[in-house]
Amino acid sequence: LKGHGRPIMPADERARVVAALGVVD
């Protein structure tokens, strides 16, 4: 979707950051 050099962070790290947000169940 985004091209060369993406993602900046791997999926497991992106998921961990998103899961830490209080609005996410």
mmCIF file of all heavy atoms, coordinates in Angstrom:
data_MODEL
# 
_entry.id   MODEL 
# 
loop_
_atom_site.group_PDB 
_atom_site.id 
_atom_site.type_symbol 
_atom_site.label_atom_id 
_atom_site.label_alt_id 
_atom_site.label_comp_id 
_atom_site.label_asym_id 
_atom_site.label_entity_id 
_atom_site.label_seq_id 
_atom_site.pdbx_PDB_ins_code 
_atom_site.Cartn_x 
_atom_site.Cartn_y 
_atom_site.Cartn_z 
_atom_site.occupancy 
_atom_site.B_iso_or_equiv 
_atom_site.pdbx_formal_charge 
_atom_site.auth_seq_id 
_atom_site.auth_comp_id 
_atom_site.auth_asym_id 
_atom_site.auth_atom_id 
_atom_site.pdbx_PDB_model_num 
ATOM 1   N N   . LEU A 1 1  ? 0.797   -1.224 0.000  1.00 0.00 ? 1  LEU A N   1 
ATOM 2   C CA  . LEU A 1 1  ? 0.000   0.000  0.000  1.00 0.00 ? 1  LEU A CA  1 
ATOM 3   C C   . LEU A 1 1  ? 0.833   1.279  0.000  1.00 0.00 ? 1  LEU A C   1 
ATOM 4   O O   . LEU A 1 1  ? 0.490   2.258  -0.650 1.00 0.00 ? 1  LEU A O   1 
ATOM 5   C CB  . LEU A 1 1  ? -0.931  0.027  1.228  1.00 0.00 ? 1  LEU A CB  1 
ATOM 6   C CG  . LEU A 1 1  ? -2.038  -1.005 1.285  1.00 0.00 ? 1  LEU A CG  1 
ATOM 7   C CD1 . LEU A 1 1  ? -2.693  -1.003 2.661  1.00 0.00 ? 1  LEU A CD1 1 
ATOM 8   C CD2 . LEU A 1 1  ? -3.074  -0.728 0.206  1.00 0.00 ? 1  LEU A CD2 1 
ATOM 9   N N   . LYS A 1 2  ? 1.934   1.262  0.754  1.00 0.00 ? 2  LYS A N   1 
ATOM 10  C CA  . LYS A 1 2  ? 2.683   2.498  1.007  1.00 0.00 ? 2  LYS A CA  1 
ATOM 11  C C   . LYS A 1 2  ? 4.027   2.575  0.299  1.00 0.00 ? 2  LYS A C   1 
ATOM 12  O O   . LYS A 1 2  ? 4.600   3.651  0.213  1.00 0.00 ? 2  LYS A O   1 
ATOM 13  C CB  . LYS A 1 2  ? 2.908   2.683  2.518  1.00 0.00 ? 2  LYS A CB  1 
ATOM 14  C CG  . LYS A 1 2  ? 1.634   2.656  3.343  1.00 0.00 ? 2  LYS A CG  1 
ATOM 15  C CD  . LYS A 1 2  ? 0.748   3.833  3.018  1.00 0.00 ? 2  LYS A CD  1 
ATOM 16  C CE  . LYS A 1 2  ? -0.505  3.818  3.897  1.00 0.00 ? 2  LYS A CE  1 
ATOM 17  N NZ  . LYS A 1 2  ? -1.369  4.958  3.664  1.00 0.00 ? 2  LYS A NZ  1 
ATOM 18  N N   . GLY A 1 3  ? 4.552   1.436  -0.165 1.00 0.00 ? 3  GLY A N   1 
ATOM 19  C CA  . GLY A 1 3  ? 5.788   1.464  -0.933 1.00 0.00 ? 3  GLY A CA  1 
ATOM 20  C C   . GLY A 1 3  ? 7.039   1.136  -0.133 1.00 0.00 ? 3  GLY A C   1 
ATOM 21  O O   . GLY A 1 3  ? 6.992   0.758  1.042  1.00 0.00 ? 3  GLY A O   1 
ATOM 22  N N   . HIS A 1 4  ? 8.166   1.325  -0.808 1.00 0.00 ? 4  HIS A N   1 
ATOM 23  C CA  . HIS A 1 4  ? 9.485   0.990  -0.259 1.00 0.00 ? 4  HIS A CA  1 
ATOM 24  C C   . HIS A 1 4  ? 9.740   1.728  1.057  1.00 0.00 ? 4  HIS A C   1 
ATOM 25  O O   . HIS A 1 4  ? 9.394   2.893  1.199  1.00 0.00 ? 4  HIS A O   1 
ATOM 26  C CB  . HIS A 1 4  ? 10.578  1.344  -1.281 1.00 0.00 ? 4  HIS A CB  1 
ATOM 27  C CG  . HIS A 1 4  ? 11.956  1.102  -0.769 1.00 0.00 ? 4  HIS A CG  1 
ATOM 28  N ND1 . HIS A 1 4  ? 12.460  -0.169 -0.631 1.00 0.00 ? 4  HIS A ND1 1 
ATOM 29  C CD2 . HIS A 1 4  ? 12.913  1.959  -0.338 1.00 0.00 ? 4  HIS A CD2 1 
ATOM 30  C CE1 . HIS A 1 4  ? 13.688  -0.081 -0.140 1.00 0.00 ? 4  HIS A CE1 1 
ATOM 31  N NE2 . HIS A 1 4  ? 13.980  1.192  0.029  1.00 0.00 ? 4  HIS A NE2 1 
ATOM 32  N N   . GLY A 1 5  ? 10.353  1.037  1.987  1.00 0.00 ? 5  GLY A N   1 
ATOM 33  C CA  . GLY A 1 5  ? 10.704  1.643  3.267  1.00 0.00 ? 5  GLY A CA  1 
ATOM 34  C C   . GLY A 1 5  ? 9.587   1.615  4.295  1.00 0.00 ? 5  GLY A C   1 
ATOM 35  O O   . GLY A 1 5  ? 9.766   2.096  5.415  1.00 0.00 ? 5  GLY A O   1 
ATOM 36  N N   . ARG A 1 6  ? 8.459   1.082  3.933  1.00 0.00 ? 6  ARG A N   1 
ATOM 37  C CA  . ARG A 1 6  ? 7.335   1.006  4.857  1.00 0.00 ? 6  ARG A CA  1 
ATOM 38  C C   . ARG A 1 6  ? 7.001   -0.464 5.076  1.00 0.00 ? 6  ARG A C   1 
ATOM 39  O O   . ARG A 1 6  ? 7.201   -1.251 4.181  1.00 0.00 ? 6  ARG A O   1 
ATOM 40  C CB  . ARG A 1 6  ? 6.125   1.745  4.282  1.00 0.00 ? 6  ARG A CB  1 
ATOM 41  C CG  . ARG A 1 6  ? 6.364   3.213  4.009  1.00 0.00 ? 6  ARG A CG  1 
ATOM 42  C CD  . ARG A 1 6  ? 6.380   4.090  5.227  1.00 0.00 ? 6  ARG A CD  1 
ATOM 43  N NE  . ARG A 1 6  ? 5.126   4.140  5.951  1.00 0.00 ? 6  ARG A NE  1 
ATOM 44  C CZ  . ARG A 1 6  ? 4.098   4.913  5.623  1.00 0.00 ? 6  ARG A CZ  1 
ATOM 45  N NH1 . ARG A 1 6  ? 4.158   5.720  4.597  1.00 0.00 ? 6  ARG A NH1 1 
ATOM 46  N NH2 . ARG A 1 6  ? 2.995   4.884  6.351  1.00 0.00 ? 6  ARG A NH2 1 
ATOM 47  N N   . PRO A 1 7  ? 6.562   -0.842 6.208  1.00 0.00 ? 7  PRO A N   1 
ATOM 48  C CA  . PRO A 1 7  ? 6.307   -0.012 7.371  1.00 0.00 ? 7  PRO A CA  1 
ATOM 49  C C   . PRO A 1 7  ? 7.595   0.386  8.091  1.00 0.00 ? 7  PRO A C   1 
ATOM 50  O O   . PRO A 1 7  ? 8.635   -0.259 7.921  1.00 0.00 ? 7  PRO A O   1 
ATOM 51  C CB  . PRO A 1 7  ? 5.447   -0.913 8.257  1.00 0.00 ? 7  PRO A CB  1 
ATOM 52  C CG  . PRO A 1 7  ? 5.932   -2.296 7.940  1.00 0.00 ? 7  PRO A CG  1 
ATOM 53  C CD  . PRO A 1 7  ? 6.258   -2.265 6.468  1.00 0.00 ? 7  PRO A CD  1 
ATOM 54  N N   . ILE A 1 8  ? 7.493   1.415  8.889  1.00 0.00 ? 8  ILE A N   1 
ATOM 55  C CA  . ILE A 1 8  ? 8.610   1.852  9.727  1.00 0.00 ? 8  ILE A CA  1 
ATOM 56  C C   . ILE A 1 8  ? 8.790   0.861  10.870 1.00 0.00 ? 8  ILE A C   1 
ATOM 57  O O   . ILE A 1 8  ? 9.906   0.503  11.220 1.00 0.00 ? 8  ILE A O   1 
ATOM 58  C CB  . ILE A 1 8  ? 8.335   3.267  10.306 1.00 0.00 ? 8  ILE A CB  1 
ATOM 59  C CG1 . ILE A 1 8  ? 8.099   4.281  9.192  1.00 0.00 ? 8  ILE A CG1 1 
ATOM 60  C CG2 . ILE A 1 8  ? 9.450   3.713  11.229 1.00 0.00 ? 8  ILE A CG2 1 
ATOM 61  C CD1 . ILE A 1 8  ? 9.256   4.475  8.248  1.00 0.00 ? 8  ILE A CD1 1 
ATOM 62  N N   . MET A 1 9  ? 7.691   0.445  11.462 1.00 0.00 ? 9  MET A N   1 
ATOM 63  C CA  . MET A 1 9  ? 7.710   -0.521 12.571 1.00 0.00 ? 9  MET A CA  1 
ATOM 64  C C   . MET A 1 9  ? 6.998   -1.791 12.129 1.00 0.00 ? 9  MET A C   1 
ATOM 65  O O   . MET A 1 9  ? 6.016   -1.724 11.391 1.00 0.00 ? 9  MET A O   1 
ATOM 66  C CB  . MET A 1 9  ? 6.978   0.047  13.799 1.00 0.00 ? 9  MET A CB  1 
ATOM 67  C CG  . MET A 1 9  ? 7.603   1.281  14.382 1.00 0.00 ? 9  MET A CG  1 
ATOM 68  S SD  . MET A 1 9  ? 6.825   1.791  15.942 1.00 0.00 ? 9  MET A SD  1 
ATOM 69  C CE  . MET A 1 9  ? 5.111   1.964  15.490 1.00 0.00 ? 9  MET A CE  1 
ATOM 70  N N   . PRO A 1 10 ? 7.456   -2.954 12.605 1.00 0.00 ? 10 PRO A N   1 
ATOM 71  C CA  . PRO A 1 10 ? 6.774   -4.199 12.250 1.00 0.00 ? 10 PRO A CA  1 
ATOM 72  C C   . PRO A 1 10 ? 5.386   -4.282 12.888 1.00 0.00 ? 10 PRO A C   1 
ATOM 73  O O   . PRO A 1 10 ? 5.083   -3.595 13.870 1.00 0.00 ? 10 PRO A O   1 
ATOM 74  C CB  . PRO A 1 10 ? 7.704   -5.290 12.787 1.00 0.00 ? 10 PRO A CB  1 
ATOM 75  C CG  . PRO A 1 10 ? 8.585   -4.630 13.778 1.00 0.00 ? 10 PRO A CG  1 
ATOM 76  C CD  . PRO A 1 10 ? 8.648   -3.175 13.425 1.00 0.00 ? 10 PRO A CD  1 
ATOM 77  N N   . ALA A 1 11 ? 4.558   -5.133 12.332 1.00 0.00 ? 11 ALA A N   1 
ATOM 78  C CA  . ALA A 1 11 ? 3.154   -5.246 12.744 1.00 0.00 ? 11 ALA A CA  1 
ATOM 79  C C   . ALA A 1 11 ? 2.991   -5.512 14.232 1.00 0.00 ? 11 ALA A C   1 
ATOM 80  O O   . ALA A 1 11 ? 2.098   -4.941 14.867 1.00 0.00 ? 11 ALA A O   1 
ATOM 81  C CB  . ALA A 1 11 ? 2.459   -6.332 11.931 1.00 0.00 ? 11 ALA A CB  1 
ATOM 82  N N   . ASP A 1 12 ? 3.817   -6.370 14.813 1.00 0.00 ? 12 ASP A N   1 
ATOM 83  C CA  . ASP A 1 12 ? 3.636   -6.668 16.234 1.00 0.00 ? 12 ASP A CA  1 
ATOM 84  C C   . ASP A 1 12 ? 3.867   -5.433 17.100 1.00 0.00 ? 12 ASP A C   1 
ATOM 85  O O   . ASP A 1 12 ? 3.174   -5.220 18.089 1.00 0.00 ? 12 ASP A O   1 
ATOM 86  C CB  . ASP A 1 12 ? 4.514   -7.847 16.680 1.00 0.00 ? 12 ASP A CB  1 
ATOM 87  C CG  . ASP A 1 12 ? 6.001   -7.602 16.516 1.00 0.00 ? 12 ASP A CG  1 
ATOM 88  O OD1 . ASP A 1 12 ? 6.407   -6.824 15.626 1.00 0.00 ? 12 ASP A OD1 1 
ATOM 89  O OD2 . ASP A 1 12 ? 6.777   -8.217 17.280 1.00 0.00 ? 12 ASP A OD2 1 
ATOM 90  N N   . GLU A 1 13 ? 4.806   -4.573 16.706 1.00 0.00 ? 13 GLU A N   1 
ATOM 91  C CA  . GLU A 1 13 ? 5.048   -3.340 17.453 1.00 0.00 ? 13 GLU A CA  1 
ATOM 92  C C   . GLU A 1 13 ? 3.922   -2.332 17.227 1.00 0.00 ? 13 GLU A C   1 
ATOM 93  O O   . GLU A 1 13 ? 3.486   -1.655 18.165 1.00 0.00 ? 13 GLU A O   1 
ATOM 94  C CB  . GLU A 1 13 ? 6.389   -2.726 17.057 1.00 0.00 ? 13 GLU A CB  1 
ATOM 95  C CG  . GLU A 1 13 ? 7.571   -3.552 17.510 1.00 0.00 ? 13 GLU A CG  1 
ATOM 96  C CD  . GLU A 1 13 ? 8.904   -2.957 17.088 1.00 0.00 ? 13 GLU A CD  1 
ATOM 97  O OE1 . GLU A 1 13 ? 8.963   -1.769 16.689 1.00 0.00 ? 13 GLU A OE1 1 
ATOM 98  O OE2 . GLU A 1 13 ? 9.908   -3.705 17.147 1.00 0.00 ? 13 GLU A OE2 1 
ATOM 99  N N   . ARG A 1 14 ? 3.443   -2.227 15.987 1.00 0.00 ? 14 ARG A N   1 
ATOM 100 C CA  . ARG A 1 14 ? 2.318   -1.321 15.705 1.00 0.00 ? 14 ARG A CA  1 
ATOM 101 C C   . ARG A 1 14 ? 1.079   -1.750 16.474 1.00 0.00 ? 14 ARG A C   1 
ATOM 102 O O   . ARG A 1 14 ? 0.365   -0.928 17.047 1.00 0.00 ? 14 ARG A O   1 
ATOM 103 C CB  . ARG A 1 14 ? 2.050   -1.261 14.195 1.00 0.00 ? 14 ARG A CB  1 
ATOM 104 C CG  . ARG A 1 14 ? 3.177   -0.573 13.439 1.00 0.00 ? 14 ARG A CG  1 
ATOM 105 C CD  . ARG A 1 14 ? 2.937   -0.450 11.953 1.00 0.00 ? 14 ARG A CD  1 
ATOM 106 N NE  . ARG A 1 14 ? 3.178   -1.708 11.267 1.00 0.00 ? 14 ARG A NE  1 
ATOM 107 C CZ  . ARG A 1 14 ? 2.290   -2.387 10.561 1.00 0.00 ? 14 ARG A CZ  1 
ATOM 108 N NH1 . ARG A 1 14 ? 1.066   -1.928 10.411 1.00 0.00 ? 14 ARG A NH1 1 
ATOM 109 N NH2 . ARG A 1 14 ? 2.601   -3.522 9.968  1.00 0.00 ? 14 ARG A NH2 1 
ATOM 110 N N   . ALA A 1 15 ? 0.845   -3.056 16.534 1.00 0.00 ? 15 ALA A N   1 
ATOM 111 C CA  . ALA A 1 15 ? -0.305  -3.578 17.275 1.00 0.00 ? 15 ALA A CA  1 
ATOM 112 C C   . ALA A 1 15 ? -0.155  -3.269 18.766 1.00 0.00 ? 15 ALA A C   1 
ATOM 113 O O   . ALA A 1 15 ? -1.127  -2.889 19.428 1.00 0.00 ? 15 ALA A O   1 
ATOM 114 C CB  . ALA A 1 15 ? -0.453  -5.076 17.046 1.00 0.00 ? 15 ALA A CB  1 
ATOM 115 N N   . ARG A 1 16 ? 1.030   -3.394 19.284 1.00 0.00 ? 16 ARG A N   1 
ATOM 116 C CA  . ARG A 1 16 ? 1.254   -3.124 20.716 1.00 0.00 ? 16 ARG A CA  1 
ATOM 117 C C   . ARG A 1 16 ? 0.976   -1.668 21.056 1.00 0.00 ? 16 ARG A C   1 
ATOM 118 O O   . ARG A 1 16 ? 0.359   -1.366 22.077 1.00 0.00 ? 16 ARG A O   1 
ATOM 119 C CB  . ARG A 1 16 ? 2.678   -3.502 21.096 1.00 0.00 ? 16 ARG A CB  1 
ATOM 120 C CG  . ARG A 1 16 ? 2.930   -3.392 22.570 1.00 0.00 ? 16 ARG A CG  1 
ATOM 121 C CD  . ARG A 1 16 ? 4.141   -4.187 23.014 1.00 0.00 ? 16 ARG A CD  1 
ATOM 122 N NE  . ARG A 1 16 ? 4.245   -4.064 24.456 1.00 0.00 ? 16 ARG A NE  1 
ATOM 123 C CZ  . ARG A 1 16 ? 5.258   -3.473 25.070 1.00 0.00 ? 16 ARG A CZ  1 
ATOM 124 N NH1 . ARG A 1 16 ? 6.253   -2.969 24.370 1.00 0.00 ? 16 ARG A NH1 1 
ATOM 125 N NH2 . ARG A 1 16 ? 5.283   -3.397 26.380 1.00 0.00 ? 16 ARG A NH2 1 
ATOM 126 N N   . VAL A 1 17 ? 1.408   -0.764 20.193 1.00 0.00 ? 17 VAL A N   1 
ATOM 127 C CA  . VAL A 1 17 ? 1.165   0.666  20.419 1.00 0.00 ? 17 VAL A CA  1 
ATOM 128 C C   . VAL A 1 17 ? -0.336  0.954  20.365 1.00 0.00 ? 17 VAL A C   1 
ATOM 129 O O   . VAL A 1 17 ? -0.879  1.633  21.244 1.00 0.00 ? 17 VAL A O   1 
ATOM 130 C CB  . VAL A 1 17 ? 1.944   1.525  19.396 1.00 0.00 ? 17 VAL A CB  1 
ATOM 131 C CG1 . VAL A 1 17 ? 1.515   2.978  19.460 1.00 0.00 ? 17 VAL A CG1 1 
ATOM 132 C CG2 . VAL A 1 17 ? 3.447   1.401  19.642 1.00 0.00 ? 17 VAL A CG2 1 
ATOM 133 N N   . VAL A 1 18 ? -1.013  0.456  19.360 1.00 0.00 ? 18 VAL A N   1 
ATOM 134 C CA  . VAL A 1 18 ? -2.457  0.683  19.220 1.00 0.00 ? 18 VAL A CA  1 
ATOM 135 C C   . VAL A 1 18 ? -3.203  0.082  20.415 1.00 0.00 ? 18 VAL A C   1 
ATOM 136 O O   . VAL A 1 18 ? -4.110  0.704  20.978 1.00 0.00 ? 18 VAL A O   1 
ATOM 137 C CB  . VAL A 1 18 ? -2.980  0.119  17.882 1.00 0.00 ? 18 VAL A CB  1 
ATOM 138 C CG1 . VAL A 1 18 ? -4.493  0.059  17.846 1.00 0.00 ? 18 VAL A CG1 1 
ATOM 139 C CG2 . VAL A 1 18 ? -2.456  0.962  16.723 1.00 0.00 ? 18 VAL A CG2 1 
ATOM 140 N N   . ALA A 1 19 ? -2.830  -1.124 20.819 1.00 0.00 ? 19 ALA A N   1 
ATOM 141 C CA  . ALA A 1 19 ? -3.505  -1.796 21.929 1.00 0.00 ? 19 ALA A CA  1 
ATOM 142 C C   . ALA A 1 19 ? -3.327  -1.054 23.253 1.00 0.00 ? 19 ALA A C   1 
ATOM 143 O O   . ALA A 1 19 ? -4.149  -1.208 24.158 1.00 0.00 ? 19 ALA A O   1 
ATOM 144 C CB  . ALA A 1 19 ? -2.997  -3.233 22.055 1.00 0.00 ? 19 ALA A CB  1 
ATOM 145 N N   . ALA A 1 20 ? -2.301  -0.247 23.356 1.00 0.00 ? 20 ALA A N   1 
ATOM 146 C CA  . ALA A 1 20 ? -2.055  0.503  24.594 1.00 0.00 ? 20 ALA A CA  1 
ATOM 147 C C   . ALA A 1 20 ? -2.963  1.721  24.736 1.00 0.00 ? 20 ALA A C   1 
ATOM 148 O O   . ALA A 1 20 ? -3.061  2.290  25.827 1.00 0.00 ? 20 ALA A O   1 
ATOM 149 C CB  . ALA A 1 20 ? -0.589  0.936  24.653 1.00 0.00 ? 20 ALA A CB  1 
ATOM 150 N N   . LEU A 1 21 ? -3.626  2.113  23.662 1.00 0.00 ? 21 LEU A N   1 
ATOM 151 C CA  . LEU A 1 21 ? -4.520  3.267  23.724 1.00 0.00 ? 21 LEU A CA  1 
ATOM 152 C C   . LEU A 1 21 ? -5.790  2.903  24.485 1.00 0.00 ? 21 LEU A C   1 
ATOM 153 O O   . LEU A 1 21 ? -6.399  1.860  24.228 1.00 0.00 ? 21 LEU A O   1 
ATOM 154 C CB  . LEU A 1 21 ? -4.858  3.753  22.317 1.00 0.00 ? 21 LEU A CB  1 
ATOM 155 C CG  . LEU A 1 21 ? -3.662  4.215  21.480 1.00 0.00 ? 21 LEU A CG  1 
ATOM 156 C CD1 . LEU A 1 21 ? -4.111  4.534  20.063 1.00 0.00 ? 21 LEU A CD1 1 
ATOM 157 C CD2 . LEU A 1 21 ? -2.993  5.419  22.119 1.00 0.00 ? 21 LEU A CD2 1 
ATOM 158 N N   . GLY A 1 22 ? -6.202  3.748  25.370 1.00 0.00 ? 22 GLY A N   1 
ATOM 159 C CA  . GLY A 1 22 ? -7.343  3.466  26.232 1.00 0.00 ? 22 GLY A CA  1 
ATOM 160 C C   . GLY A 1 22 ? -8.658  3.246  25.530 1.00 0.00 ? 22 GLY A C   1 
ATOM 161 O O   . GLY A 1 22 ? -9.552  2.614  26.080 1.00 0.00 ? 22 GLY A O   1 
ATOM 162 N N   . VAL A 1 23 ? -8.818  3.745  24.306 1.00 0.00 ? 23 VAL A N   1 
ATOM 163 C CA  . VAL A 1 23 ? -10.095 3.587  23.597 1.00 0.00 ? 23 VAL A CA  1 
ATOM 164 C C   . VAL A 1 23 ? -10.206 2.237  22.886 1.00 0.00 ? 23 VAL A C   1 
ATOM 165 O O   . VAL A 1 23 ? -11.279 1.877  22.418 1.00 0.00 ? 23 VAL A O   1 
ATOM 166 C CB  . VAL A 1 23 ? -10.333 4.723  22.565 1.00 0.00 ? 23 VAL A CB  1 
ATOM 167 C CG1 . VAL A 1 23 ? -10.417 6.065  23.258 1.00 0.00 ? 23 VAL A CG1 1 
ATOM 168 C CG2 . VAL A 1 23 ? -9.277  4.716  21.479 1.00 0.00 ? 23 VAL A CG2 1 
ATOM 169 N N   . VAL A 1 24 ? -9.120  1.489  22.825 1.00 0.00 ? 24 VAL A N   1 
ATOM 170 C CA  . VAL A 1 24 ? -9.083  0.225  22.081 1.00 0.00 ? 24 VAL A CA  1 
ATOM 171 C C   . VAL A 1 24 ? -9.363  -0.941 23.027 1.00 0.00 ? 24 VAL A C   1 
ATOM 172 O O   . VAL A 1 24 ? -8.744  -1.060 24.081 1.00 0.00 ? 24 VAL A O   1 
ATOM 173 C CB  . VAL A 1 24 ? -7.716  0.044  21.379 1.00 0.00 ? 24 VAL A CB  1 
ATOM 174 C CG1 . VAL A 1 24 ? -7.625  -1.307 20.676 1.00 0.00 ? 24 VAL A CG1 1 
ATOM 175 C CG2 . VAL A 1 24 ? -7.466  1.188  20.406 1.00 0.00 ? 24 VAL A CG2 1 
ATOM 176 N N   . ASP A 1 25 ? -10.296 -1.816 22.627 1.00 0.00 ? 25 ASP A N   1 
ATOM 177 C CA  . ASP A 1 25 ? -10.636 -2.984 23.443 1.00 0.00 ? 25 ASP A CA  1 
ATOM 178 C C   . ASP A 1 25 ? -9.963  -4.263 22.964 1.00 0.00 ? 25 ASP A C   1 
ATOM 179 O O   . ASP A 1 25 ? -9.667  -5.141 23.771 1.00 0.00 ? 25 ASP A O   1 
ATOM 180 C CB  . ASP A 1 25 ? -12.157 -3.175 23.462 1.00 0.00 ? 25 ASP A CB  1 
ATOM 181 C CG  . ASP A 1 25 ? -12.840 -2.009 24.146 1.00 0.00 ? 25 ASP A CG  1 
ATOM 182 O OD1 . ASP A 1 25 ? -12.667 -1.859 25.370 1.00 0.00 ? 25 ASP A OD1 1 
ATOM 183 O OD2 . ASP A 1 25 ? -13.525 -1.233 23.455 1.00 0.00 ? 25 ASP A OD2 1 
# 
